[in-house]
Amino acid sequence: MSKLYVYFGVSATYSLYVDKDSKPKFDVFRYAYSHQLYRNHFSEEEFNQEVVNLFIKKYKAKETGLEKQFIYQSKLQDNLGKDSWFPIIVNHLNITTRQGNYVIPADFSTDYISNLSIFNDIPLDNVSEFGVPMPLKPSKDIVFMGDLVIKMDPSKYLFLLDLISTVGIYSINLDQKCEYILRKPLVDMKFPYTAVSLGTLVNSPGPTSCLIETSVGTKQLVELKENDLVFIPLENMSVARIVVKGQSIGSVDTKIRGGVLGVVIDTRYKSGKNSRALVKSRAVFISRIKEGLSKI
């Protein structure tokens, strides 16, 4: 039996199609229903049905015997599972995790937020004004997904790093098609879930030193003052040893892996009054991300 799973996000719609004769197929439609934009043309039910029909046509699926399952934003937390991943779903209205749903304050530049709901490729600006980070207590393997990460740019990478304020060392990953949310049929069919590795985040507010030793024996010592952010290249699938000593993190000796951003060492204090002060450093940090991405 063929299956079509559809997740209706805030400003985009995601789908997964599986049948017995082919590998899973994912697709993203860059729009979702907006009462303000479409109420004179569609009801939400009509709009969603048109999007579903679009997916069926694109997959060349047969309606006969097609099993459909829909996931709505209001029930999103029910589909986040209880595995080792820590999913963080980000869009222009809220941030959702297993720990709760954080609504971005309505007084944050209403026109800017409205534009993001339609033109979701707009670079993020001044995101410290969102009032984030949330008091997250993530597990080791973080995976970011949602409408704001469908197409990435340096400001969005910085926004994702801004969300993690808890001290620790994390594997950070990116899922631009919300495969994690749609993964149930993949689990049933024993297809592995994979996400794009962004690398490793060392979140250590305050003065920090890191010694990175690669598998080929090269060593690099990095010493940072507080409120800094650097990116050390480490290729995807590469494994290295890191020894971290810092005011907040203590002393840690562990294995890490590389990715798109490499090893991210973040000594910023991201909460309280300091979060607004960091806005002045955004241009510098974004420039570093651009430089790092250009080397990929």
C-alpha atoms as a PDB file:
ATOM      1  CA  MET A   1       0.000   0.000   0.000  1.00  0.00           C
ATOM      2  CA  SER A   2       1.232   3.496  -0.872  1.00  0.00           C
ATOM      3  CA  LYS A   3       1.416   6.107   1.893  1.00  0.00           C
ATOM      4  CA  LEU A   4       1.397   9.891   1.810  1.00  0.00           C
ATOM      5  CA  TYR A   5       2.327  11.774   4.970  1.00  0.00           C
ATOM      6  CA  VAL A   6       1.861  15.557   4.990  1.00  0.00           C
ATOM      7  CA  TYR A   7       2.956  18.041   7.646  1.00  0.00           C
ATOM      8  CA  PHE A   8       1.276  21.452   7.426  1.00  0.00           C
ATOM      9  CA  GLY A   9       3.781  23.928   8.839  1.00  0.00           C
ATOM     10  CA  VAL A  10       3.354  27.626   9.532  1.00  0.00           C
ATOM     11  CA  SER A  11       4.659  28.914   6.187  1.00  0.00           C
ATOM     12  CA  ALA A  12       5.539  25.717   4.297  1.00  0.00           C
ATOM     13  CA  THR A  13       4.102  22.232   3.766  1.00  0.00           C
ATOM     14  CA  TYR A  14       6.150  19.023   3.818  1.00  0.00           C
ATOM     15  CA  SER A  15       5.406  15.581   2.411  1.00  0.00           C
ATOM     16  CA  LEU A  16       6.703  12.019   2.386  1.00  0.00           C
ATOM     17  CA  TYR A  17       5.548   9.443  -0.152  1.00  0.00           C
ATOM     18  CA  VAL A  18       6.399   5.747   0.133  1.00  0.00           C
ATOM     19  CA  ASP A  19       5.308   2.673  -1.766  1.00  0.00           C
ATOM     20  CA  LYS A  20       6.556  -0.888  -1.973  1.00  0.00           C
ATOM     21  CA  ASP A  21       8.409  -0.351  -5.258  1.00  0.00           C
ATOM     22  CA  SER A  22      10.509   2.745  -4.537  1.00  0.00           C
ATOM     23  CA  LYS A  23      12.577   4.560  -1.966  1.00  0.00           C
ATOM     24  CA  PRO A  24      10.941   7.230   0.221  1.00  0.00           C
ATOM     25  CA  LYS A  25      10.421  10.564  -1.537  1.00  0.00           C
ATOM     26  CA  PHE A  26      10.292  13.915   0.224  1.00  0.00           C
ATOM     27  CA  ASP A  27       9.076  17.250  -1.075  1.00  0.00           C
ATOM     28  CA  VAL A  28       8.491  20.760   0.262  1.00  0.00           C
ATOM     29  CA  PHE A  29       5.849  23.229  -0.918  1.00  0.00           C
ATOM     30  CA  ARG A  30       7.048  26.671   0.145  1.00  0.00           C
ATOM     31  CA  TYR A  31       3.642  27.908   1.307  1.00  0.00           C
ATOM     32  CA  ALA A  32       1.039  27.040   3.942  1.00  0.00           C
ATOM     33  CA  TYR A  33      -2.418  28.408   4.649  1.00  0.00           C
ATOM     34  CA  SER A  34      -2.604  31.965   5.969  1.00  0.00           C
ATOM     35  CA  HIS A  35      -6.013  33.318   6.974  1.00  0.00           C
ATOM     36  CA  GLN A  36      -4.931  36.905   6.273  1.00  0.00           C
ATOM     37  CA  LEU A  37      -3.586  36.116   2.808  1.00  0.00           C
ATOM     38  CA  TYR A  38      -6.002  33.529   1.447  1.00  0.00           C
ATOM     39  CA  ARG A  39      -9.341  33.924   3.251  1.00  0.00           C
ATOM     40  CA  ASN A  40     -10.971  35.597   0.225  1.00  0.00           C
ATOM     41  CA  HIS A  41      -9.972  32.707  -2.025  1.00  0.00           C
ATOM     42  CA  PHE A  42      -9.761  29.515   0.066  1.00  0.00           C
ATOM     43  CA  SER A  43     -10.813  28.075   3.361  1.00  0.00           C
ATOM     44  CA  GLU A  44      -7.985  26.336   5.205  1.00  0.00           C
ATOM     45  CA  GLU A  45      -9.468  22.941   4.335  1.00  0.00           C
ATOM     46  CA  GLU A  46      -9.701  23.818   0.637  1.00  0.00           C
ATOM     47  CA  PHE A  47      -6.157  25.177   0.544  1.00  0.00           C
ATOM     48  CA  ASN A  48      -4.721  22.114   2.251  1.00  0.00           C
ATOM     49  CA  GLN A  49      -6.583  19.773  -0.101  1.00  0.00           C
ATOM     50  CA  GLU A  50      -5.141  21.607  -3.112  1.00  0.00           C
ATOM     51  CA  VAL A  51      -1.637  21.203  -1.686  1.00  0.00           C
ATOM     52  CA  VAL A  52      -2.249  17.486  -1.075  1.00  0.00           C
ATOM     53  CA  ASN A  53      -3.453  17.133  -4.681  1.00  0.00           C
ATOM     54  CA  LEU A  54      -0.283  18.874  -5.828  1.00  0.00           C
ATOM     55  CA  PHE A  55       1.868  16.346  -3.984  1.00  0.00           C
ATOM     56  CA  ILE A  56      -0.147  13.412  -5.360  1.00  0.00           C
ATOM     57  CA  LYS A  57       0.332  14.731  -8.896  1.00  0.00           C
ATOM     58  CA  LYS A  58       4.049  15.324  -8.385  1.00  0.00           C
ATOM     59  CA  TYR A  59       4.597  11.811  -7.019  1.00  0.00           C
ATOM     60  CA  LYS A  60       2.392  10.350  -9.784  1.00  0.00           C
ATOM     61  CA  ALA A  61       0.564   8.466  -7.056  1.00  0.00           C
ATOM     62  CA  LYS A  62      -2.709   6.635  -7.536  1.00  0.00           C
ATOM     63  CA  GLU A  63      -5.591   7.756  -5.345  1.00  0.00           C
ATOM     64  CA  THR A  64      -6.921   4.195  -5.134  1.00  0.00           C
ATOM     65  CA  GLY A  65      -5.467   2.524  -2.047  1.00  0.00           C
ATOM     66  CA  LEU A  66      -3.451   5.604  -1.065  1.00  0.00           C
ATOM     67  CA  GLU A  67      -3.190   5.888   2.720  1.00  0.00           C
ATOM     68  CA  LYS A  68      -2.969   9.508   3.891  1.00  0.00           C
ATOM     69  CA  GLN A  69      -1.946  10.921   7.224  1.00  0.00           C
ATOM     70  CA  PHE A  70      -1.844  14.618   8.064  1.00  0.00           C
ATOM     71  CA  ILE A  71       0.158  16.321  10.798  1.00  0.00           C
ATOM     72  CA  TYR A  72      -0.951  19.781  11.912  1.00  0.00           C
ATOM     73  CA  GLN A  73       0.989  22.444  13.792  1.00  0.00           C
ATOM     74  CA  SER A  74      -1.365  22.195  16.775  1.00  0.00           C
ATOM     75  CA  LYS A  75      -0.418  18.513  17.247  1.00  0.00           C
ATOM     76  CA  LEU A  76       3.255  18.854  16.358  1.00  0.00           C
ATOM     77  CA  GLN A  77       4.626  17.853  19.765  1.00  0.00           C
ATOM     78  CA  ASP A  78       2.807  14.514  19.516  1.00  0.00           C
ATOM     79  CA  ASN A  79       5.059  13.631  16.567  1.00  0.00           C
ATOM     80  CA  LEU A  80       8.446  14.415  18.109  1.00  0.00           C
ATOM     81  CA  GLY A  81       9.092  10.922  19.421  1.00  0.00           C
ATOM     82  CA  LYS A  82      11.202   9.852  22.392  1.00  0.00           C
ATOM     83  CA  ASP A  83      14.478   8.825  20.753  1.00  0.00           C
ATOM     84  CA  SER A  84      18.002  10.185  21.234  1.00  0.00           C
ATOM     85  CA  TRP A  85      17.487  13.145  18.883  1.00  0.00           C
ATOM     86  CA  PHE A  86      16.525  16.553  20.303  1.00  0.00           C
ATOM     87  CA  PRO A  87      14.405  18.188  17.564  1.00  0.00           C
ATOM     88  CA  ILE A  88      14.029  21.984  17.492  1.00  0.00           C
ATOM     89  CA  ILE A  89      11.420  23.243  15.007  1.00  0.00           C
ATOM     90  CA  VAL A  90      11.827  26.925  14.121  1.00  0.00           C
ATOM     91  CA  ASN A  91       9.583  29.226  12.117  1.00  0.00           C
ATOM     92  CA  HIS A  92       8.603  32.880  12.118  1.00  0.00           C
ATOM     93  CA  LEU A  93       5.891  32.500  14.795  1.00  0.00           C
ATOM     94  CA  ASN A  94       7.194  29.969  17.299  1.00  0.00           C
ATOM     95  CA  ILE A  95       9.876  27.500  18.312  1.00  0.00           C
ATOM     96  CA  THR A  96       8.756  23.993  19.241  1.00  0.00           C
ATOM     97  CA  THR A  97      10.573  21.253  21.155  1.00  0.00           C
ATOM     98  CA  ARG A  98       9.534  18.316  23.319  1.00  0.00           C
ATOM     99  CA  GLN A  99       9.915  20.665  26.263  1.00  0.00           C
ATOM    100  CA  GLY A 100       7.311  23.107  25.042  1.00  0.00           C
ATOM    101  CA  ASN A 101       6.234  25.668  22.490  1.00  0.00           C
ATOM    102  CA  TYR A 102       7.771  29.138  22.595  1.00  0.00           C
ATOM    103  CA  VAL A 103       5.700  31.851  20.890  1.00  0.00           C
ATOM    104  CA  ILE A 104       7.765  34.690  19.474  1.00  0.00           C
ATOM    105  CA  PRO A 105       6.459  37.989  20.923  1.00  0.00           C
ATOM    106  CA  ALA A 106       3.883  39.624  18.671  1.00  0.00           C
ATOM    107  CA  ASP A 107       5.462  43.052  19.095  1.00  0.00           C
ATOM    108  CA  PHE A 108       8.630  41.942  17.282  1.00  0.00           C
ATOM    109  CA  SER A 109       8.476  44.006  14.073  1.00  0.00           C
ATOM    110  CA  THR A 110       5.072  42.822  12.854  1.00  0.00           C
ATOM    111  CA  ASP A 111       5.762  43.727   9.212  1.00  0.00           C
ATOM    112  CA  TYR A 112       9.049  41.827   9.276  1.00  0.00           C
ATOM    113  CA  ILE A 113       7.359  38.717  10.691  1.00  0.00           C
ATOM    114  CA  SER A 114       4.553  38.966   8.109  1.00  0.00           C
ATOM    115  CA  ASN A 115       7.094  39.181   5.305  1.00  0.00           C
ATOM    116  CA  LEU A 116       8.897  36.109   6.638  1.00  0.00           C
ATOM    117  CA  SER A 117       5.649  34.132   6.398  1.00  0.00           C
ATOM    118  CA  ILE A 118       5.572  34.757   2.630  1.00  0.00           C
ATOM    119  CA  PHE A 119       9.205  35.378   1.664  1.00  0.00           C
ATOM    120  CA  ASN A 120      10.900  32.817   3.907  1.00  0.00           C
ATOM    121  CA  ASP A 121      14.315  33.335   2.282  1.00  0.00           C
ATOM    122  CA  ILE A 122      14.712  36.750   3.948  1.00  0.00           C
ATOM    123  CA  PRO A 123      17.883  36.794   6.105  1.00  0.00           C
ATOM    124  CA  LEU A 124      17.159  37.098   9.815  1.00  0.00           C
ATOM    125  CA  ASP A 125      18.083  40.393  11.407  1.00  0.00           C
ATOM    126  CA  ASN A 126      18.460  41.342  15.059  1.00  0.00           C
ATOM    127  CA  VAL A 127      17.187  37.998  16.271  1.00  0.00           C
ATOM    128  CA  SER A 128      18.219  38.742  19.853  1.00  0.00           C
ATOM    129  CA  GLU A 129      15.075  40.872  19.927  1.00  0.00           C
ATOM    130  CA  PHE A 130      13.052  37.647  19.669  1.00  0.00           C
ATOM    131  CA  GLY A 131      13.565  37.239  23.376  1.00  0.00           C
ATOM    132  CA  VAL A 132      15.279  33.893  22.869  1.00  0.00           C
ATOM    133  CA  PRO A 133      17.078  31.740  23.854  1.00  0.00           C
ATOM    134  CA  MET A 134      14.557  29.432  25.448  1.00  0.00           C
ATOM    135  CA  PRO A 135      15.654  27.644  28.619  1.00  0.00           C
ATOM    136  CA  LEU A 136      16.376  24.482  26.603  1.00  0.00           C
ATOM    137  CA  LYS A 137      17.950  21.409  28.153  1.00  0.00           C
ATOM    138  CA  PRO A 138      18.835  19.527  24.976  1.00  0.00           C
ATOM    139  CA  SER A 139      20.260  16.053  24.677  1.00  0.00           C
ATOM    140  CA  LYS A 140      23.589  15.525  22.938  1.00  0.00           C
ATOM    141  CA  ASP A 141      22.227  15.212  19.365  1.00  0.00           C
ATOM    142  CA  ILE A 142      20.354  18.350  18.303  1.00  0.00           C
ATOM    143  CA  VAL A 143      18.527  18.510  14.966  1.00  0.00           C
ATOM    144  CA  PHE A 144      17.105  21.809  13.655  1.00  0.00           C
ATOM    145  CA  MET A 145      14.175  21.844  11.232  1.00  0.00           C
ATOM    146  CA  GLY A 146      11.206  23.981  10.222  1.00  0.00           C
ATOM    147  CA  ASP A 147      10.209  26.751   7.855  1.00  0.00           C
ATOM    148  CA  LEU A 148      13.110  29.080   8.655  1.00  0.00           C
ATOM    149  CA  VAL A 149      15.776  26.520   7.721  1.00  0.00           C
ATOM    150  CA  ILE A 150      14.447  25.386   4.323  1.00  0.00           C
ATOM    151  CA  LYS A 151      17.004  27.688   2.744  1.00  0.00           C
ATOM    152  CA  MET A 152      19.950  28.671   4.897  1.00  0.00           C
ATOM    153  CA  ASP A 153      22.126  31.784   5.017  1.00  0.00           C
ATOM    154  CA  PRO A 154      24.747  32.933   7.555  1.00  0.00           C
ATOM    155  CA  SER A 155      22.218  34.901   9.646  1.00  0.00           C
ATOM    156  CA  LYS A 156      20.091  31.778  10.069  1.00  0.00           C
ATOM    157  CA  TYR A 157      23.055  29.667  11.143  1.00  0.00           C
ATOM    158  CA  LEU A 158      23.782  32.294  13.799  1.00  0.00           C
ATOM    159  CA  PHE A 159      20.142  32.264  14.894  1.00  0.00           C
ATOM    160  CA  LEU A 160      20.276  28.510  15.467  1.00  0.00           C
ATOM    161  CA  LEU A 161      23.420  28.877  17.586  1.00  0.00           C
ATOM    162  CA  ASP A 162      21.717  31.652  19.556  1.00  0.00           C
ATOM    163  CA  LEU A 163      19.007  29.207  20.639  1.00  0.00           C
ATOM    164  CA  ILE A 164      21.368  26.992  22.650  1.00  0.00           C
ATOM    165  CA  SER A 165      22.321  28.584  25.949  1.00  0.00           C
ATOM    166  CA  THR A 166      22.805  25.438  28.064  1.00  0.00           C
ATOM    167  CA  VAL A 167      26.464  24.678  28.750  1.00  0.00           C
ATOM    168  CA  GLY A 168      27.715  21.532  27.015  1.00  0.00           C
ATOM    169  CA  ILE A 169      29.122  19.905  23.892  1.00  0.00           C
ATOM    170  CA  TYR A 170      26.519  19.055  21.246  1.00  0.00           C
ATOM    171  CA  SER A 171      26.279  17.405  17.855  1.00  0.00           C
ATOM    172  CA  ILE A 172      24.254  19.857  15.739  1.00  0.00           C
ATOM    173  CA  ASN A 173      22.364  18.769  12.618  1.00  0.00           C
ATOM    174  CA  LEU A 174      19.987  20.144   9.998  1.00  0.00           C
ATOM    175  CA  ASP A 175      16.816  18.595   8.542  1.00  0.00           C
ATOM    176  CA  GLN A 176      15.482  20.887   5.804  1.00  0.00           C
ATOM    177  CA  LYS A 177      12.585  18.638   4.744  1.00  0.00           C
ATOM    178  CA  CYS A 178      11.237  17.856   8.229  1.00  0.00           C
ATOM    179  CA  GLU A 179      11.978  14.186   7.648  1.00  0.00           C
ATOM    180  CA  TYR A 180      12.062  13.653  11.402  1.00  0.00           C
ATOM    181  CA  ILE A 181       8.420  14.736  11.789  1.00  0.00           C
ATOM    182  CA  LEU A 182       7.341  12.535   8.869  1.00  0.00           C
ATOM    183  CA  ARG A 183       9.527   9.584   9.861  1.00  0.00           C
ATOM    184  CA  LYS A 184       6.916   7.061  11.142  1.00  0.00           C
ATOM    185  CA  PRO A 185       6.608   5.103   7.868  1.00  0.00           C
ATOM    186  CA  LEU A 186      10.404   5.122   7.606  1.00  0.00           C
ATOM    187  CA  VAL A 187      10.640   3.497  11.031  1.00  0.00           C
ATOM    188  CA  ASP A 188       8.047   0.913   9.996  1.00  0.00           C
ATOM    189  CA  MET A 189      10.017   0.165   6.808  1.00  0.00           C
ATOM    190  CA  LYS A 190      13.368   0.223   8.666  1.00  0.00           C
ATOM    191  CA  PHE A 191      14.813   3.114   6.644  1.00  0.00           C
ATOM    192  CA  PRO A 192      17.421   4.991   8.722  1.00  0.00           C
ATOM    193  CA  TYR A 193      16.805   8.623   9.600  1.00  0.00           C
ATOM    194  CA  THR A 194      19.659  10.896   8.552  1.00  0.00           C
ATOM    195  CA  ALA A 195      20.258  14.621   8.871  1.00  0.00           C
ATOM    196  CA  VAL A 196      22.951  16.948   7.556  1.00  0.00           C
ATOM    197  CA  SER A 197      25.747  17.338  10.103  1.00  0.00           C
ATOM    198  CA  LEU A 198      26.558  20.942  10.945  1.00  0.00           C
ATOM    199  CA  GLY A 199      29.371  19.764  13.190  1.00  0.00           C
ATOM    200  CA  THR A 200      29.967  20.148  16.918  1.00  0.00           C
ATOM    201  CA  LEU A 201      28.946  23.019  19.180  1.00  0.00           C
ATOM    202  CA  VAL A 202      31.069  23.690  22.253  1.00  0.00           C
ATOM    203  CA  ASN A 203      28.815  25.935  24.325  1.00  0.00           C
ATOM    204  CA  SER A 204      31.054  27.314  27.067  1.00  0.00           C
ATOM    205  CA  PRO A 205      30.195  30.845  28.269  1.00  0.00           C
ATOM    206  CA  GLY A 206      33.222  32.683  29.605  1.00  0.00           C
ATOM    207  CA  PRO A 207      36.979  32.251  28.989  1.00  0.00           C
ATOM    208  CA  THR A 208      37.620  28.876  27.337  1.00  0.00           C
ATOM    209  CA  SER A 209      40.534  26.925  25.854  1.00  0.00           C
ATOM    210  CA  CYS A 210      40.136  24.027  23.413  1.00  0.00           C
ATOM    211  CA  LEU A 211      42.754  21.582  22.168  1.00  0.00           C
ATOM    212  CA  ILE A 212      41.601  19.790  19.009  1.00  0.00           C
ATOM    213  CA  GLU A 213      43.488  16.701  17.844  1.00  0.00           C
ATOM    214  CA  THR A 214      42.480  15.148  14.512  1.00  0.00           C
ATOM    215  CA  SER A 215      42.687  11.478  13.523  1.00  0.00           C
ATOM    216  CA  VAL A 216      45.790  12.232  11.418  1.00  0.00           C
ATOM    217  CA  GLY A 217      47.620  13.675  14.405  1.00  0.00           C
ATOM    218  CA  THR A 218      47.355  17.424  13.800  1.00  0.00           C
ATOM    219  CA  LYS A 219      46.735  19.571  16.876  1.00  0.00           C
ATOM    220  CA  GLN A 220      45.290  23.042  17.302  1.00  0.00           C
ATOM    221  CA  LEU A 221      44.963  25.043  20.523  1.00  0.00           C
ATOM    222  CA  VAL A 222      42.275  27.730  20.613  1.00  0.00           C
ATOM    223  CA  GLU A 223      41.965  30.161  23.523  1.00  0.00           C
ATOM    224  CA  LEU A 224      38.978  32.500  23.687  1.00  0.00           C
ATOM    225  CA  LYS A 225      37.783  35.288  25.925  1.00  0.00           C
ATOM    226  CA  GLU A 226      34.129  35.532  26.922  1.00  0.00           C
ATOM    227  CA  ASN A 227      31.462  36.517  24.376  1.00  0.00           C
ATOM    228  CA  ASP A 228      33.342  35.213  21.355  1.00  0.00           C
ATOM    229  CA  LEU A 229      32.374  32.778  18.594  1.00  0.00           C
ATOM    230  CA  VAL A 230      34.808  30.948  16.301  1.00  0.00           C
ATOM    231  CA  PHE A 231      34.569  28.188  13.695  1.00  0.00           C
ATOM    232  CA  ILE A 232      37.340  25.609  13.314  1.00  0.00           C
ATOM    233  CA  PRO A 233      37.133  23.621  10.035  1.00  0.00           C
ATOM    234  CA  LEU A 234      36.505  19.886  10.466  1.00  0.00           C
ATOM    235  CA  GLU A 235      35.107  17.957   7.524  1.00  0.00           C
ATOM    236  CA  ASN A 236      31.899  15.979   7.650  1.00  0.00           C
ATOM    237  CA  MET A 237      32.422  12.387   8.882  1.00  0.00           C
ATOM    238  CA  SER A 238      35.796  13.386  10.343  1.00  0.00           C
ATOM    239  CA  VAL A 239      36.307  12.457  13.989  1.00  0.00           C
ATOM    240  CA  ALA A 240      38.579  14.356  16.357  1.00  0.00           C
ATOM    241  CA  ARG A 241      39.423  14.521  20.031  1.00  0.00           C
ATOM    242  CA  ILE A 242      38.749  17.740  21.917  1.00  0.00           C
ATOM    243  CA  VAL A 243      39.929  18.786  25.362  1.00  0.00           C
ATOM    244  CA  VAL A 244      37.951  21.736  26.689  1.00  0.00           C
ATOM    245  CA  LYS A 245      38.684  23.801  29.779  1.00  0.00           C
ATOM    246  CA  GLY A 246      36.427  26.675  30.681  1.00  0.00           C
ATOM    247  CA  GLN A 247      34.975  28.762  33.445  1.00  0.00           C
ATOM    248  CA  SER A 248      31.473  27.337  33.028  1.00  0.00           C
ATOM    249  CA  ILE A 249      32.028  23.958  31.368  1.00  0.00           C
ATOM    250  CA  GLY A 250      34.881  22.775  33.586  1.00  0.00           C
ATOM    251  CA  SER A 251      37.221  20.204  32.015  1.00  0.00           C
ATOM    252  CA  VAL A 252      35.974  17.851  29.277  1.00  0.00           C
ATOM    253  CA  ASP A 253      37.874  15.335  27.126  1.00  0.00           C
ATOM    254  CA  THR A 254      35.724  13.730  24.412  1.00  0.00           C
ATOM    255  CA  LYS A 255      35.352  12.705  20.761  1.00  0.00           C
ATOM    256  CA  ILE A 256      33.613  15.018  18.279  1.00  0.00           C
ATOM    257  CA  ARG A 257      32.716  15.006  14.581  1.00  0.00           C
ATOM    258  CA  GLY A 258      32.816  17.581  11.825  1.00  0.00           C
ATOM    259  CA  GLY A 259      30.233  19.046   9.480  1.00  0.00           C
ATOM    260  CA  VAL A 260      29.190  22.141   7.535  1.00  0.00           C
ATOM    261  CA  LEU A 261      30.276  24.556  10.279  1.00  0.00           C
ATOM    262  CA  GLY A 262      33.073  22.382  11.657  1.00  0.00           C
ATOM    263  CA  VAL A 263      33.773  22.866  15.370  1.00  0.00           C
ATOM    264  CA  VAL A 264      31.858  25.838  16.766  1.00  0.00           C
ATOM    265  CA  ILE A 265      33.303  27.269  19.973  1.00  0.00           C
ATOM    266  CA  ASP A 266      30.802  29.653  21.558  1.00  0.00           C
ATOM    267  CA  THR A 267      31.785  31.559  24.703  1.00  0.00           C
ATOM    268  CA  ARG A 268      28.856  33.987  24.633  1.00  0.00           C
ATOM    269  CA  TYR A 269      26.544  34.614  27.571  1.00  0.00           C
ATOM    270  CA  LYS A 270      23.250  34.500  25.686  1.00  0.00           C
ATOM    271  CA  SER A 271      20.715  35.264  28.388  1.00  0.00           C
ATOM    272  CA  GLY A 272      19.693  38.376  30.259  1.00  0.00           C
ATOM    273  CA  LYS A 273      20.906  41.845  29.392  1.00  0.00           C
ATOM    274  CA  ASN A 274      24.004  40.487  27.663  1.00  0.00           C
ATOM    275  CA  SER A 275      21.888  39.048  24.802  1.00  0.00           C
ATOM    276  CA  ARG A 276      21.096  42.552  23.599  1.00  0.00           C
ATOM    277  CA  ALA A 277      24.727  43.608  23.839  1.00  0.00           C
ATOM    278  CA  LEU A 278      25.665  40.760  21.502  1.00  0.00           C
ATOM    279  CA  VAL A 279      23.698  42.414  18.696  1.00  0.00           C
ATOM    280  CA  LYS A 280      26.696  44.717  18.179  1.00  0.00           C
ATOM    281  CA  SER A 281      28.861  41.675  17.360  1.00  0.00           C
ATOM    282  CA  ARG A 282      26.437  40.078  14.916  1.00  0.00           C
ATOM    283  CA  ALA A 283      28.131  41.454  11.799  1.00  0.00           C
ATOM    284  CA  VAL A 284      31.481  40.024  12.919  1.00  0.00           C
ATOM    285  CA  PHE A 285      30.026  36.590  13.675  1.00  0.00           C
ATOM    286  CA  ILE A 286      28.064  36.467  10.407  1.00  0.00           C
ATOM    287  CA  SER A 287      31.244  37.370   8.520  1.00  0.00           C
ATOM    288  CA  ARG A 288      33.030  34.447  10.174  1.00  0.00           C
ATOM    289  CA  ILE A 289      30.237  32.082   9.186  1.00  0.00           C
ATOM    290  CA  LYS A 290      30.407  33.319   5.566  1.00  0.00           C
ATOM    291  CA  GLU A 291      34.147  32.765   5.540  1.00  0.00           C
ATOM    292  CA  GLY A 292      33.735  29.259   6.913  1.00  0.00           C
ATOM    293  CA  LEU A 293      31.027  28.331   4.416  1.00  0.00           C
ATOM    294  CA  SER A 294      33.126  29.598   1.533  1.00  0.00           C
ATOM    295  CA  LYS A 295      35.772  26.970   2.349  1.00  0.00           C
ATOM    296  CA  ILE A 296      33.393  24.050   1.981  1.00  0.00           C
END
